[in-house]
Protein backbone atom coordinates (compact mmCIF):
# COMPACT_ATOMS: atom_id res chain seq x y z
CA UNK A 1 73.57 88.74 155.68
CA UNK A 2 70.76 86.21 155.11
CA UNK A 3 70.90 83.48 152.46
CA UNK A 4 71.78 85.80 149.64
CA UNK A 5 75.07 85.42 147.82
CA UNK A 6 77.28 88.34 146.82
CA UNK A 7 79.47 88.15 143.73
CA UNK A 8 82.26 90.72 143.88
CA UNK A 9 84.82 91.33 141.13
CA UNK A 10 87.65 93.74 141.87
CA UNK A 11 90.49 94.49 139.46
CA UNK A 12 93.74 96.45 139.56
CA UNK A 13 96.83 97.01 137.47
CA UNK A 14 99.71 96.74 139.91
CA UNK A 15 102.56 95.97 137.52
CA UNK A 16 102.82 94.85 133.92
CA UNK A 17 104.89 91.97 132.56
CA UNK A 18 106.42 93.07 130.18
CA UNK A 19 105.46 96.73 129.83
CA UNK A 20 101.64 96.84 129.83
CA UNK A 21 101.07 93.45 128.21
CA UNK A 22 100.45 90.84 130.90
CA UNK A 23 100.67 89.77 134.56
CA UNK A 24 103.60 87.80 135.95
CA UNK A 25 102.55 84.34 137.24
CA UNK A 26 104.02 85.12 140.67
CA UNK A 27 101.50 87.94 141.15
CA UNK A 28 98.59 85.64 140.33
CA UNK A 29 99.96 83.03 142.74
CA UNK A 30 100.37 85.62 145.50
CA UNK A 31 96.80 86.85 144.98
CA UNK A 32 95.52 83.30 145.26
CA UNK A 33 97.47 82.75 148.49
CA UNK A 34 96.03 85.90 150.06
CA UNK A 35 92.43 85.03 149.22
CA UNK A 36 92.83 81.39 150.25
CA UNK A 37 94.01 82.50 153.69
CA UNK A 38 90.80 84.45 154.35
CA UNK A 39 87.73 83.01 156.09
CA UNK A 40 85.48 85.72 154.63
CA UNK A 41 84.90 84.07 151.26
CA UNK A 42 82.74 81.23 150.07
CA UNK A 43 84.88 80.85 146.96
CA UNK A 44 87.19 82.79 144.65
CA UNK A 45 88.90 82.72 141.27
CA UNK A 46 91.99 84.75 140.35
CA UNK A 47 92.60 85.58 136.72
CA UNK A 48 93.89 88.36 134.50
CA UNK A 49 93.23 90.21 131.27
CA UNK A 50 96.28 91.97 129.91
CA UNK A 51 98.15 93.60 132.80
CA UNK A 52 95.16 93.61 135.18
CA UNK A 53 94.64 91.17 138.03
CA UNK A 54 90.98 90.26 138.53
CA UNK A 55 89.72 88.91 141.85
CA UNK A 56 86.38 87.09 141.47
CA UNK A 57 84.93 86.40 144.93
CA UNK A 58 81.71 85.05 146.42
CA UNK A 59 80.64 85.75 149.99
CA UNK A 60 77.57 86.46 152.10
CA UNK A 61 78.45 89.92 153.41
CA UNK A 62 76.59 92.06 150.84
CA UNK A 63 77.92 94.77 148.55
CA UNK A 64 80.26 97.52 149.74
CA UNK A 65 81.43 95.41 152.67
CA UNK A 66 84.51 97.00 154.21
CA UNK A 67 86.11 93.67 155.16
CA UNK A 68 85.81 92.27 151.63
CA UNK A 69 87.15 95.47 150.13
CA UNK A 70 89.99 95.53 152.65
CA UNK A 71 90.85 91.93 151.74
CA UNK A 72 91.13 92.91 148.09
CA UNK A 73 93.17 96.01 148.97
CA UNK A 74 95.63 94.04 151.11
CA UNK A 75 95.87 91.40 148.38
CA UNK A 76 96.84 94.05 145.86
CA UNK A 77 99.37 95.52 148.30
CA UNK A 78 100.97 92.08 148.74
CA UNK A 79 101.10 91.63 144.98
CA UNK A 80 102.65 95.09 144.63
CA UNK A 81 105.56 94.02 146.81
CA UNK A 82 106.22 91.15 144.40
CA UNK A 83 105.80 93.54 141.49
CA UNK A 84 108.42 95.91 142.92
CA UNK A 85 110.79 93.02 143.56
CA UNK A 86 110.53 92.01 139.91
CA UNK A 87 110.73 95.67 138.80
CA UNK A 88 107.52 95.28 136.82
CA UNK A 89 106.30 98.32 134.94
CA UNK A 90 103.86 100.58 136.80
CA UNK A 91 104.10 98.66 140.08
CA UNK A 92 101.06 99.58 142.19
CA UNK A 93 99.83 102.18 139.69
CA UNK A 94 96.12 101.62 140.40
CA UNK A 95 96.55 102.05 144.16
CA UNK A 96 96.07 105.76 144.72
CA UNK A 97 96.68 105.73 148.48
CA UNK A 98 98.89 104.07 151.05
CA UNK A 99 96.06 103.49 153.53
CA UNK A 100 92.70 101.75 153.19
CA UNK A 101 89.77 104.08 153.86
CA UNK A 102 86.94 101.59 154.43
CA UNK A 103 85.80 101.14 150.83
CA UNK A 104 87.99 100.39 147.84
CA UNK A 105 85.81 102.52 145.56
CA UNK A 106 87.56 105.78 144.80
CA UNK A 107 90.96 104.33 145.68
CA UNK A 108 91.91 103.15 142.20
CA UNK A 109 90.78 99.54 141.67
CA UNK A 110 87.63 98.87 139.66
CA UNK A 111 84.67 97.22 141.41
CA UNK A 112 81.58 95.40 140.15
CA UNK A 113 79.43 93.50 142.64
CA UNK A 114 75.86 92.34 143.10
CA UNK A 115 73.84 90.56 145.77
CA UNK A 116 71.01 88.16 144.89
CA UNK A 117 69.17 84.99 145.81
CA UNK A 118 70.82 82.10 144.02
CA UNK A 119 68.34 80.50 141.62
CA UNK A 120 67.84 76.80 140.93
CA UNK A 121 70.44 77.27 138.21
CA UNK A 122 72.61 80.40 138.34
CA UNK A 123 74.83 80.92 135.27
CA UNK A 124 76.87 84.13 135.32
CA UNK A 125 79.38 85.67 132.94
CA UNK A 126 82.19 87.88 134.16
CA UNK A 127 83.42 90.16 131.39
CA UNK A 128 86.85 91.73 131.87
CA UNK A 129 88.49 94.26 129.55
CA UNK A 130 91.94 95.76 129.16
CA UNK A 131 93.08 98.98 127.49
CA UNK A 132 89.70 100.65 127.60
CA UNK A 133 87.22 102.47 129.86
CA UNK A 134 83.84 101.73 131.58
CA UNK A 135 81.84 103.08 128.64
CA UNK A 136 83.01 100.08 126.63
CA UNK A 137 80.10 98.11 128.15
CA UNK A 138 77.41 100.54 126.96
CA UNK A 139 76.83 99.05 123.51
CA UNK A 140 77.06 95.38 124.57
CA UNK A 141 74.71 95.86 127.54
CA UNK A 142 72.25 97.74 125.34
CA UNK A 143 72.29 94.88 122.84
CA UNK A 144 71.93 92.20 125.52
CA UNK A 145 69.01 93.78 127.35
CA UNK A 146 67.29 96.07 124.82
CA UNK A 147 67.93 94.96 121.23
CA UNK A 148 65.57 92.24 119.94
CA UNK A 149 67.81 91.74 116.91
CA UNK A 150 70.45 90.50 119.36
CA UNK A 151 68.26 89.03 122.11
CA UNK A 152 65.24 87.20 120.74
CA UNK A 153 64.12 86.53 124.32
CA UNK A 154 62.86 90.11 124.47
CA UNK A 155 60.27 89.10 121.89
CA UNK A 156 59.38 85.50 122.73
CA UNK A 157 60.15 85.01 126.44
CA UNK A 158 57.18 86.14 128.60
CA UNK A 159 59.59 86.69 131.51
CA UNK A 160 61.59 89.22 129.46
CA UNK A 161 58.84 90.88 127.44
CA UNK A 162 58.26 93.60 130.06
CA UNK A 163 61.80 94.85 129.44
CA UNK A 164 64.60 96.04 131.69
CA UNK A 165 65.54 99.14 133.67
CA UNK A 166 68.93 100.73 133.02
CA UNK A 167 70.78 102.69 135.72
CA UNK A 168 73.07 105.21 134.01
CA UNK A 169 75.81 107.17 135.75
CA UNK A 170 77.13 110.58 134.74
CA UNK A 171 80.81 110.17 135.58
CA UNK A 172 81.57 113.88 135.31
CA UNK A 173 78.73 115.29 137.44
CA UNK A 174 78.60 112.18 139.68
CA UNK A 175 74.85 111.74 139.17
CA UNK A 176 72.64 108.81 138.13
CA UNK A 177 69.31 108.25 136.39
CA UNK A 178 67.04 105.25 135.71
CA UNK A 179 65.50 104.53 132.30
CA UNK A 180 62.67 102.03 131.84
CA UNK A 181 62.86 100.17 128.55
CA UNK A 182 61.49 99.73 125.98
CA UNK A 183 59.40 102.92 126.34
CA UNK A 184 62.38 105.15 127.22
CA UNK A 185 64.79 103.55 124.77
CA UNK A 186 65.36 106.72 122.73
CA UNK A 187 66.03 108.76 125.87
CA UNK A 188 68.57 106.15 127.01
CA UNK A 189 70.42 106.24 123.70
CA UNK A 190 70.93 110.00 123.89
CA UNK A 191 73.17 109.45 126.90
CA UNK A 192 74.86 106.05 126.51
CA UNK A 193 75.93 106.99 122.98
CA UNK A 194 78.48 109.22 124.76
CA UNK A 195 80.36 106.48 126.65
CA UNK A 196 83.19 108.74 127.77
CA UNK A 197 80.79 110.44 130.18
CA UNK A 198 77.65 108.33 130.60
CA UNK A 199 77.97 104.66 131.57
CA UNK A 200 75.48 101.89 132.23
CA UNK A 201 76.09 100.94 135.86
CA UNK A 202 73.42 98.28 136.37
CA UNK A 203 70.48 96.60 134.65
CA UNK A 204 67.35 95.32 136.45
CA UNK A 205 64.55 93.01 135.37
CA UNK A 206 61.21 94.84 135.28
CA UNK A 207 59.45 91.51 135.74
CA UNK A 208 61.13 90.54 139.02
CA UNK A 209 62.97 93.71 140.05
CA UNK A 210 66.15 91.66 140.43
CA UNK A 211 69.55 92.87 139.36
CA UNK A 212 70.64 91.36 136.04
CA UNK A 213 73.97 93.05 135.33
CA UNK A 214 76.40 95.48 136.89
CA UNK A 215 79.69 97.06 135.90
CA UNK A 216 82.61 99.00 137.31
CA UNK A 217 82.35 102.71 136.56
CA UNK A 218 85.45 104.03 138.32
CA UNK A 219 87.33 106.60 136.20
CA UNK A 220 90.91 106.27 137.41
CA UNK A 221 92.18 109.44 135.75
CA UNK A 222 89.39 111.54 137.26
CA UNK A 223 90.20 110.20 140.72
CA UNK A 224 93.96 110.65 140.37
CA UNK A 225 93.86 113.99 138.55
CA UNK A 226 96.53 112.73 136.17
CA UNK A 227 96.98 110.03 133.58
CA UNK A 228 97.69 106.71 135.30
CA UNK A 229 96.27 104.34 132.71
CA UNK A 230 92.84 103.42 131.41
CA UNK A 231 90.25 101.96 133.75
CA UNK A 232 90.10 98.44 132.31
CA UNK A 233 86.53 97.73 133.49
CA UNK A 234 84.72 94.58 134.61
CA UNK A 235 81.08 93.61 134.18
CA UNK A 236 78.91 90.84 135.68
CA UNK A 237 75.91 89.47 133.75
CA UNK A 238 73.43 86.91 135.06
CA UNK A 239 71.88 84.66 132.42
CA UNK A 240 68.87 82.45 131.59
CA UNK A 241 65.40 82.11 133.21
CA UNK A 242 64.00 85.54 132.42
CA UNK A 243 67.40 87.02 131.61
CA UNK A 244 69.41 86.84 128.38
CA UNK A 245 70.59 83.36 127.43
CA UNK A 246 74.34 82.83 127.62
CA UNK A 247 74.56 83.02 123.83
CA UNK A 248 72.55 86.26 123.79
CA UNK A 249 74.89 87.82 126.35
CA UNK A 250 77.95 86.86 124.29
CA UNK A 251 76.57 87.76 120.87
CA UNK A 252 77.30 91.54 121.01
CA UNK A 253 81.03 90.80 120.99
CA UNK A 254 80.81 88.93 117.68
CA UNK A 255 81.04 92.40 116.09
CA UNK A 256 83.95 94.35 117.60
CA UNK A 257 82.95 97.93 118.37
CA UNK A 258 85.27 100.89 118.78
CA UNK A 259 86.23 101.90 122.31
CA UNK A 260 88.48 104.53 123.86
CA UNK A 261 91.83 103.50 125.29
CA UNK A 262 94.53 101.49 123.49
CA UNK A 263 98.01 103.08 123.48
CA UNK A 264 98.53 105.55 126.35
CA UNK A 265 94.76 105.58 126.83
CA UNK A 266 94.57 108.08 123.98
CA UNK A 267 93.21 106.20 120.97
CA UNK A 268 90.08 104.54 119.67
CA UNK A 269 90.37 100.88 118.81
CA UNK A 270 88.30 97.74 118.26
CA UNK A 271 87.37 95.66 121.31
CA UNK A 272 88.72 92.21 120.44
CA UNK A 273 87.10 89.15 122.12
CA UNK A 274 89.84 86.75 123.21
CA UNK A 275 90.59 83.85 125.52
CA UNK A 276 92.57 84.46 128.71
CA UNK A 277 95.61 82.99 126.96
CA UNK A 278 95.25 85.55 124.17
CA UNK A 279 94.58 88.51 126.45
CA UNK A 280 98.10 89.96 126.27
CA UNK A 281 97.82 93.12 124.15
CA UNK A 282 101.11 93.80 122.36
CA UNK A 283 100.34 95.60 119.09
CA UNK A 284 100.66 99.29 119.96
CA UNK A 285 99.78 98.05 123.46
CA UNK A 286 96.55 96.69 122.05
CA UNK A 287 94.14 96.51 120.46
CA UNK A 288 91.78 96.55 123.47
CA UNK A 289 90.80 93.07 124.71
CA UNK A 290 87.74 91.53 126.35
CA UNK A 291 87.59 88.16 128.10
CA UNK A 292 84.37 86.36 129.11
CA UNK A 293 84.51 83.74 131.86
CA UNK A 294 81.37 81.75 132.59
CA UNK A 295 80.57 80.17 135.96
CA UNK A 296 77.73 78.14 137.41
CA UNK A 297 77.10 79.24 140.98
CA UNK A 298 76.34 76.30 143.26
CA UNK A 299 75.73 77.30 146.88
CA UNK A 300 78.14 80.17 146.36
CA UNK A 301 80.82 78.03 144.75
CA UNK A 302 82.24 79.20 141.42
CA UNK A 303 81.95 76.13 139.18
CA UNK A 304 84.16 76.90 136.19
CA UNK A 305 85.33 78.89 134.44
CA UNK A 306 84.27 78.34 130.89
CA UNK A 307 86.55 80.52 128.73
CA UNK A 308 83.88 81.57 126.24
CA UNK A 309 85.92 83.56 123.73
CA UNK A 310 88.31 80.62 123.22
CA UNK A 311 85.54 79.40 120.88
CA UNK A 312 86.69 79.46 117.21
CA UNK A 313 83.33 81.03 116.28
CA UNK A 314 84.91 84.33 117.43
CA UNK A 315 87.78 83.97 114.95
CA UNK A 316 85.96 86.19 112.46
CA UNK A 317 85.45 88.88 115.13
CA UNK A 318 89.20 88.81 115.81
CA UNK A 319 89.97 89.08 112.09
CA UNK A 320 87.60 92.02 111.78
CA UNK A 321 89.19 93.67 114.82
CA UNK A 322 92.64 93.30 113.26
CA UNK A 323 91.42 94.86 110.01
CA UNK A 324 89.93 97.78 111.93
CA UNK A 325 93.20 98.11 113.83
CA UNK A 326 95.15 98.19 110.56
CA UNK A 327 92.99 101.02 109.23
CA UNK A 328 93.00 103.10 112.40
CA UNK A 329 96.77 102.79 112.87
CA UNK A 330 97.28 104.42 109.48
CA UNK A 331 95.70 107.58 110.90
CA UNK A 332 98.44 107.90 113.53
CA UNK A 333 97.98 111.04 115.67
CA UNK A 334 94.88 112.18 113.77
CA UNK A 335 91.32 111.87 115.00
CA UNK A 336 89.28 109.68 115.04
CA UNK A 337 92.12 107.26 115.89
CA UNK A 338 93.46 109.66 118.50
CA UNK A 339 90.86 110.73 121.05
CA UNK A 340 89.38 114.26 120.79
CA UNK A 341 91.08 117.01 122.77
CA UNK A 342 88.59 117.05 125.64
CA UNK A 343 89.54 113.44 126.40
CA UNK A 344 93.27 114.13 126.23
CA UNK A 345 93.40 116.31 129.36
CA UNK A 346 95.30 113.74 131.42
CA UNK A 347 98.07 113.23 128.87
CA UNK A 348 100.98 115.52 127.92
CA UNK A 349 98.58 117.58 125.79
CA UNK A 350 97.89 120.24 128.50
CA UNK A 351 101.64 120.78 128.98
CA UNK A 352 102.12 121.37 125.25
CA UNK A 353 99.11 123.71 125.12
CA UNK A 354 100.37 125.69 128.12
CA UNK A 355 103.83 126.06 126.58
CA UNK A 356 102.40 127.46 123.35
CA UNK A 357 99.51 129.55 124.69
CA UNK A 358 101.38 132.87 124.35
CA UNK A 359 102.19 132.06 120.72
CA UNK A 360 98.53 132.22 119.73
CA UNK A 361 97.25 135.64 118.62
CA UNK A 362 93.99 136.94 117.15
CA UNK A 363 93.53 135.88 113.53
CA UNK A 364 93.54 139.57 112.52
CA UNK A 365 96.68 140.33 114.50
CA UNK A 366 100.37 139.99 113.65
CA UNK A 367 102.30 136.89 114.46
CA UNK A 368 104.97 137.34 117.10
CA UNK A 369 107.86 136.45 114.81
CA UNK A 370 108.64 135.81 111.18
CA UNK A 371 108.65 132.31 109.78
CA UNK A 372 111.94 130.75 110.77
CA UNK A 373 114.42 130.83 107.93
CA UNK A 374 115.12 127.47 106.35
CA UNK A 375 117.89 128.66 104.02
CA UNK A 376 121.13 130.59 104.34
């Protein structure tokens, strides 16, 4: 265990209020009660983005600790009971099992956690998104840690000039690879430009070897084998002193980029930076939202949060996101608003395709029946 601190963020959708838009206050209160009753934690903060509950916890037990994961699992189960009592929509939908198996990964909830020595000053940002998937972090993390037009520290800070190493996961083949930047930047971009399959899991400083950022990469639909909602990922970013400044870590979200998710997890939409109070997606169950909460860690205590996107300087990003949403909504069920077919496999699309498969014939063959008459 040592003197290191572990920051663990675990999220789950266990019932929306109303529909998929938000979390009922009773669920947040219940989550807080469950965590407060535990002697495993140094500190915690319970919050939400859209219909997802986010448990932000500090402890000294390291990553992948079964007791910490079990605490989160039992907290979500307790909240699910409240959710069922209130008849909230999708009660317990992210919990894919009735029994805890020793690690919450692979059981539905999303997990991002890192262990590190707390510095003299330890500012961290916890990013939380709703109505999207883990690949939503690819572009922002690239900008934070690899783009000098976003992060001037890469050019002028001697502690950052050596660059960063990016750990990328292939979510389909369940493999991972490490890219050292800047020299392997072009190789990295080949993969992370396909965020539906390849996701940045973690980023490491090449100067110190320390972890700088980590994200949740759980694909809920792949685990469940059916559509049960988008993954609504979380991401932790450490800042300052050889890492991106707080403003450099936030800057990528000043320009909303398009992500997969939105309505029924089947559409592309702009990722809108919002405050916690504005994180209740209602227009077509969206557009996708991202919240950024800043904390100063002090001996493991979470001092904060600072609700960064409550800043009016993100008003223009929200206006731009709404304009993009207006345009995309006009496309309705047509790509690129709707996701491509290979990403629709967990919706009703396979059922429709199966029903019609015998109706398709070779282009040189005869159709099975005449065009249905539309007149007497």
